[in-house]
């Protein structure tokens, strides 16, 4: 069911639908925590969607994938500090999702996985894709996913994590969202 928010809200205005209340912060609606029908705090949406805007060549084991273009973002809990690194704020839960749609390789497969730069460890489920040995972009869609609740602000990268060499990535993007 779609929510029909007021067209011209004022800052601090509250709007309730069923058992969920929302408040206008000046640029978007924030969900409110309700206790016995009374709003007690906000649950702000925080997300980042980024993609690469150019082929990335010579991607080998441990290479971080670049996401130069931010397509959409909200909130201050998730920041893109460079073209390869995303930092999330401690004490929240997040879903990290990286998608590689097309790549070429000098082997027949490649795998990509989230890497915790702060703690030097691969995390979550690796995305595995097959492709023909080719110099043109072919391959299956690869999705790498991790769910994290860091105790300190933590930086992550999406990396190739195999000794297979994908010579060129042609289409990839990342979605990070607070859960």
Foldseek 3Di string as FASTA:
>chain_A
DDDDDDPDDDAQDWDDDDLWIWGDHPPDIWIFDDDPSDGDGTDGKWKWKFKDDAKDFWAFAPDFDFGPGTPDTDDDQWDDPHRFKIKGAAQFKKKKKKKFAWFAFQDFKWKKFKAWPVVGGTAFAIWIWTDDHDPDIDIHMTMYMHMDHHRHITMMTIGTHDRTIGGIGDIMMMMMITD
